[in-house]
Amino acid sequence: MDSIHGDINDGKFTPENKINITQMKNGEPAKVISILGGCEMVRRLDAMGIIPGADIIKKSSSAMKGPVVLEKNGKHLAIGFRMAQKIIVEPAGGIRAESDEEPA
């Protein structure tokens, strides 16, 4: 499985037109590019179909860094905020710069 291990802020992975799921707007489609996590996290996401190359839509996220809801093939999936931070995507509309926090 194509995955990159490490932390997005450790300097080993500097995407130019990629963001993590927490930086997406609600309702925004994207393609999963890589997963910056260990084997267990990659395995859990694989079981949900969240793998490099998968098309997803961010449906919602909770305030205060709570769960993030994604849509994949018409099914809604909830993942934790930290897990979402480690899923690197390419937005369907191109790059956007946004913070990790949703407006209140």
N, C-alpha and C. Protein backbone atom coordinates (compact mmCIF):
# COMPACT_ATOMS: atom_id res chain seq x y z
N MET A 1 0.85 -1.17 0.00
CA MET A 1 0.00 0.00 0.00
C MET A 1 0.89 1.23 0.00
N ASP A 2 0.54 2.23 -0.81
CA ASP A 2 1.31 3.46 -0.86
C ASP A 2 0.99 4.32 0.35
N SER A 3 1.94 4.45 1.22
CA SER A 3 1.76 5.35 2.36
C SER A 3 3.10 5.95 2.71
N ILE A 4 3.04 7.09 3.32
CA ILE A 4 4.24 7.77 3.76
C ILE A 4 4.16 7.82 5.27
N HIS A 5 5.18 7.32 5.94
CA HIS A 5 5.19 7.32 7.39
C HIS A 5 5.92 8.55 7.89
N GLY A 6 5.44 9.12 8.95
CA GLY A 6 6.05 10.31 9.51
C GLY A 6 5.01 11.36 9.76
N ASP A 7 5.46 12.50 10.20
CA ASP A 7 4.54 13.59 10.50
C ASP A 7 4.66 14.65 9.42
N ILE A 8 3.55 15.25 9.05
CA ILE A 8 3.56 16.25 7.98
C ILE A 8 4.46 17.43 8.32
N ASN A 9 4.70 17.68 9.59
CA ASN A 9 5.51 18.82 9.99
C ASN A 9 6.96 18.45 10.28
N ASP A 10 7.37 17.22 10.00
CA ASP A 10 8.74 16.83 10.33
C ASP A 10 9.74 17.19 9.23
N GLY A 11 9.27 17.84 8.16
CA GLY A 11 10.17 18.27 7.11
C GLY A 11 10.46 17.24 6.05
N LYS A 12 9.94 16.03 6.20
CA LYS A 12 10.20 14.98 5.23
C LYS A 12 9.20 15.00 4.08
N PHE A 13 8.06 15.67 4.28
CA PHE A 13 7.01 15.68 3.27
C PHE A 13 6.50 17.10 3.14
N THR A 14 6.79 17.75 2.03
CA THR A 14 6.36 19.14 1.84
C THR A 14 5.55 19.23 0.56
N PRO A 15 4.25 18.96 0.64
CA PRO A 15 3.42 19.01 -0.56
C PRO A 15 3.23 20.44 -1.04
N GLU A 16 3.21 20.61 -2.36
CA GLU A 16 3.01 21.94 -2.92
C GLU A 16 1.54 22.23 -3.17
N ASN A 17 0.78 21.26 -3.62
CA ASN A 17 -0.63 21.49 -3.91
C ASN A 17 -1.51 20.51 -3.15
N LYS A 18 -1.05 20.06 -2.01
CA LYS A 18 -1.77 19.08 -1.21
C LYS A 18 -2.08 19.67 0.16
N ILE A 19 -3.17 19.22 0.75
CA ILE A 19 -3.56 19.63 2.10
C ILE A 19 -4.02 18.40 2.86
N ASN A 20 -4.22 18.54 4.16
CA ASN A 20 -4.80 17.42 4.89
C ASN A 20 -6.31 17.63 4.99
N ILE A 21 -7.02 16.60 5.37
CA ILE A 21 -8.49 16.64 5.37
C ILE A 21 -9.04 17.74 6.27
N THR A 22 -8.37 18.04 7.37
CA THR A 22 -8.89 19.07 8.27
C THR A 22 -8.88 20.45 7.62
N GLN A 23 -8.08 20.63 6.59
CA GLN A 23 -7.98 21.92 5.91
C GLN A 23 -9.02 22.08 4.79
N MET A 24 -9.76 21.03 4.51
CA MET A 24 -10.79 21.09 3.48
C MET A 24 -12.03 21.79 4.00
N LYS A 25 -12.81 22.37 3.08
CA LYS A 25 -14.10 22.93 3.42
C LYS A 25 -15.14 21.81 3.42
N ASN A 26 -16.20 21.97 4.20
CA ASN A 26 -17.29 21.00 4.19
C ASN A 26 -17.90 20.97 2.79
N GLY A 27 -18.17 19.77 2.29
CA GLY A 27 -18.75 19.60 0.96
C GLY A 27 -17.73 19.55 -0.15
N GLU A 28 -16.47 19.71 0.18
CA GLU A 28 -15.41 19.75 -0.84
C GLU A 28 -14.93 18.33 -1.20
N PRO A 29 -14.88 18.00 -2.50
CA PRO A 29 -14.35 16.70 -2.91
C PRO A 29 -12.82 16.75 -3.03
N ALA A 30 -12.19 15.59 -2.88
CA ALA A 30 -10.74 15.50 -3.00
C ALA A 30 -10.34 14.06 -3.29
N LYS A 31 -9.08 13.90 -3.71
CA LYS A 31 -8.50 12.58 -3.93
C LYS A 31 -7.43 12.35 -2.88
N VAL A 32 -7.45 11.18 -2.23
CA VAL A 32 -6.44 10.84 -1.23
C VAL A 32 -5.11 10.62 -1.96
N ILE A 33 -4.08 11.30 -1.47
CA ILE A 33 -2.74 11.20 -2.06
C ILE A 33 -1.84 10.29 -1.23
N SER A 34 -1.84 10.48 0.08
CA SER A 34 -0.99 9.66 0.94
C SER A 34 -1.52 9.69 2.37
N ILE A 35 -1.00 8.75 3.15
CA ILE A 35 -1.37 8.65 4.56
C ILE A 35 -0.09 8.69 5.37
N LEU A 36 -0.02 9.67 6.27
CA LEU A 36 1.17 9.86 7.10
C LEU A 36 0.94 9.23 8.45
N GLY A 37 0.97 7.92 8.50
CA GLY A 37 0.69 7.25 9.75
C GLY A 37 1.34 5.89 9.80
N GLY A 38 1.22 5.28 10.94
CA GLY A 38 1.78 3.96 11.15
C GLY A 38 0.92 2.87 10.54
N CYS A 39 1.40 1.66 10.65
CA CYS A 39 0.73 0.51 10.04
C CYS A 39 -0.70 0.32 10.54
N GLU A 40 -0.93 0.52 11.83
CA GLU A 40 -2.28 0.32 12.37
C GLU A 40 -3.26 1.34 11.80
N MET A 41 -2.84 2.59 11.70
CA MET A 41 -3.73 3.61 11.15
C MET A 41 -4.00 3.33 9.67
N VAL A 42 -2.97 2.97 8.93
CA VAL A 42 -3.14 2.64 7.51
C VAL A 42 -4.10 1.47 7.37
N ARG A 43 -3.98 0.48 8.22
CA ARG A 43 -4.85 -0.70 8.18
C ARG A 43 -6.31 -0.31 8.47
N ARG A 44 -6.54 0.55 9.47
CA ARG A 44 -7.90 0.98 9.81
C ARG A 44 -8.53 1.75 8.65
N LEU A 45 -7.75 2.67 8.07
CA LEU A 45 -8.27 3.45 6.95
C LEU A 45 -8.52 2.58 5.72
N ASP A 46 -7.64 1.61 5.50
CA ASP A 46 -7.82 0.67 4.39
C ASP A 46 -9.14 -0.09 4.53
N ALA A 47 -9.48 -0.48 5.73
CA ALA A 47 -10.75 -1.19 5.98
C ALA A 47 -11.96 -0.32 5.64
N MET A 48 -11.79 1.00 5.70
CA MET A 48 -12.87 1.93 5.37
C MET A 48 -12.82 2.35 3.90
N GLY A 49 -11.79 1.91 3.18
CA GLY A 49 -11.65 2.30 1.78
C GLY A 49 -10.94 3.62 1.57
N ILE A 50 -10.36 4.16 2.64
CA ILE A 50 -9.61 5.42 2.55
C ILE A 50 -8.16 5.06 2.26
N ILE A 51 -7.84 5.00 0.98
CA ILE A 51 -6.51 4.61 0.53
C ILE A 51 -6.06 5.61 -0.55
N PRO A 52 -4.75 5.69 -0.81
CA PRO A 52 -4.30 6.57 -1.89
C PRO A 52 -5.04 6.27 -3.18
N GLY A 53 -5.53 7.33 -3.82
CA GLY A 53 -6.29 7.20 -5.05
C GLY A 53 -7.79 7.26 -4.84
N ALA A 54 -8.26 7.11 -3.60
CA ALA A 54 -9.70 7.13 -3.31
C ALA A 54 -10.25 8.54 -3.41
N ASP A 55 -11.46 8.66 -3.94
CA ASP A 55 -12.16 9.94 -4.00
C ASP A 55 -13.06 10.05 -2.78
N ILE A 56 -12.99 11.18 -2.09
CA ILE A 56 -13.78 11.40 -0.88
C ILE A 56 -14.41 12.79 -0.94
N ILE A 57 -15.37 13.01 -0.05
CA ILE A 57 -15.96 14.33 0.15
C ILE A 57 -15.98 14.58 1.65
N LYS A 58 -15.49 15.73 2.08
CA LYS A 58 -15.59 16.08 3.50
C LYS A 58 -17.00 16.58 3.74
N LYS A 59 -17.74 15.91 4.61
CA LYS A 59 -19.12 16.28 4.87
C LYS A 59 -19.23 17.28 6.01
N SER A 60 -18.50 17.03 7.10
CA SER A 60 -18.57 17.94 8.24
C SER A 60 -17.44 17.66 9.20
N SER A 61 -17.26 18.60 10.11
CA SER A 61 -16.31 18.40 11.21
C SER A 61 -16.84 19.14 12.42
N SER A 62 -16.49 18.64 13.58
CA SER A 62 -16.96 19.25 14.82
C SER A 62 -16.03 20.36 15.26
N ALA A 63 -16.58 21.29 16.00
CA ALA A 63 -15.75 22.34 16.61
C ALA A 63 -14.86 21.67 17.66
N MET A 64 -13.84 22.37 18.04
CA MET A 64 -12.93 21.88 19.09
C MET A 64 -12.20 20.60 18.69
N LYS A 65 -11.92 20.44 17.40
CA LYS A 65 -11.11 19.33 16.90
C LYS A 65 -11.74 17.97 17.17
N GLY A 66 -13.04 17.88 16.99
CA GLY A 66 -13.76 16.62 17.15
C GLY A 66 -13.72 15.79 15.87
N PRO A 67 -14.61 14.81 15.76
CA PRO A 67 -14.62 13.91 14.60
C PRO A 67 -14.86 14.64 13.28
N VAL A 68 -14.33 14.06 12.22
CA VAL A 68 -14.51 14.55 10.86
C VAL A 68 -15.31 13.49 10.11
N VAL A 69 -16.37 13.92 9.43
CA VAL A 69 -17.21 12.99 8.68
C VAL A 69 -16.88 13.12 7.20
N LEU A 70 -16.60 11.97 6.58
CA LEU A 70 -16.28 11.90 5.16
C LEU A 70 -17.34 11.08 4.45
N GLU A 71 -17.47 11.31 3.15
CA GLU A 71 -18.32 10.45 2.33
C GLU A 71 -17.45 9.75 1.32
N LYS A 72 -17.63 8.45 1.22
CA LYS A 72 -16.91 7.62 0.25
C LYS A 72 -17.90 6.65 -0.35
N ASN A 73 -18.10 6.73 -1.64
CA ASN A 73 -19.06 5.85 -2.34
C ASN A 73 -20.45 5.90 -1.72
N GLY A 74 -20.90 7.09 -1.33
CA GLY A 74 -22.24 7.25 -0.78
C GLY A 74 -22.40 6.89 0.67
N LYS A 75 -21.34 6.45 1.33
CA LYS A 75 -21.39 6.07 2.75
C LYS A 75 -20.65 7.11 3.58
N HIS A 76 -21.20 7.41 4.74
CA HIS A 76 -20.56 8.37 5.64
C HIS A 76 -19.67 7.62 6.61
N LEU A 77 -18.46 8.17 6.81
CA LEU A 77 -17.46 7.58 7.69
C LEU A 77 -16.97 8.66 8.64
N ALA A 78 -16.87 8.36 9.91
CA ALA A 78 -16.35 9.31 10.89
C ALA A 78 -14.95 8.88 11.31
N ILE A 79 -14.03 9.84 11.32
CA ILE A 79 -12.67 9.57 11.78
C ILE A 79 -12.27 10.68 12.75
N GLY A 80 -11.29 10.41 13.58
CA GLY A 80 -10.81 11.39 14.53
C GLY A 80 -10.04 12.52 13.86
N PHE A 81 -9.99 13.66 14.53
CA PHE A 81 -9.32 14.85 14.00
C PHE A 81 -7.84 14.57 13.72
N ARG A 82 -7.16 13.93 14.65
CA ARG A 82 -5.72 13.66 14.45
C ARG A 82 -5.48 12.72 13.28
N MET A 83 -6.36 11.75 13.13
CA MET A 83 -6.24 10.84 11.99
C MET A 83 -6.46 11.63 10.69
N ALA A 84 -7.45 12.50 10.69
CA ALA A 84 -7.76 13.31 9.51
C ALA A 84 -6.58 14.21 9.13
N GLN A 85 -5.85 14.69 10.14
CA GLN A 85 -4.68 15.54 9.87
C GLN A 85 -3.59 14.78 9.12
N LYS A 86 -3.59 13.48 9.20
CA LYS A 86 -2.53 12.69 8.59
C LYS A 86 -2.92 12.10 7.24
N ILE A 87 -4.09 12.48 6.74
CA ILE A 87 -4.52 12.03 5.42
C ILE A 87 -4.34 13.20 4.46
N ILE A 88 -3.39 13.06 3.54
CA ILE A 88 -3.06 14.12 2.59
C ILE A 88 -3.89 13.93 1.33
N VAL A 89 -4.53 15.01 0.92
CA VAL A 89 -5.43 14.96 -0.24
C VAL A 89 -5.09 16.06 -1.23
N GLU A 90 -5.59 15.89 -2.43
CA GLU A 90 -5.52 16.93 -3.44
C GLU A 90 -6.96 17.35 -3.72
N PRO A 91 -7.33 18.57 -3.34
CA PRO A 91 -8.70 19.03 -3.58
C PRO A 91 -9.03 19.00 -5.07
N ALA A 92 -10.27 18.67 -5.39
CA ALA A 92 -10.70 18.58 -6.79
C ALA A 92 -10.55 19.92 -7.49
N GLY A 93 -10.71 21.03 -6.74
CA GLY A 93 -10.61 22.36 -7.34
C GLY A 93 -9.23 22.96 -7.28
N GLY A 94 -8.22 22.24 -6.81
CA GLY A 94 -6.87 22.79 -6.70
C GLY A 94 -6.53 23.18 -5.28
N ILE A 95 -5.42 23.84 -5.10
CA ILE A 95 -4.90 24.20 -3.77
C ILE A 95 -5.67 25.35 -3.16
N ARG A 96 -5.83 25.30 -1.86
CA ARG A 96 -6.37 26.41 -1.07
C ARG A 96 -5.55 26.45 0.21
N ALA A 97 -5.31 27.60 0.72
CA ALA A 97 -4.62 27.72 2.01
C ALA A 97 -5.67 28.03 3.06
N GLU A 98 -5.74 27.19 4.07
CA GLU A 98 -6.71 27.38 5.13
C GLU A 98 -6.13 26.79 6.41
N SER A 99 -6.58 27.26 7.53
CA SER A 99 -6.09 26.75 8.80
C SER A 99 -6.75 25.41 9.11
N ASP A 100 -6.26 24.72 10.14
CA ASP A 100 -6.82 23.45 10.56
C ASP A 100 -8.14 23.60 11.30
N GLU A 101 -8.54 24.81 11.61
CA GLU A 101 -9.75 24.99 12.39
C GLU A 101 -10.86 25.55 11.54
N GLU A 102 -12.05 25.00 11.72
CA GLU A 102 -13.25 25.47 11.03
C GLU A 102 -13.75 26.73 11.72
N PRO A 103 -14.33 27.67 10.98
CA PRO A 103 -14.93 28.84 11.64
C PRO A 103 -16.08 28.42 12.53
N ALA A 104 -16.27 29.15 13.61
CA ALA A 104 -17.31 28.79 14.58
C ALA A 104 -18.69 29.09 14.07
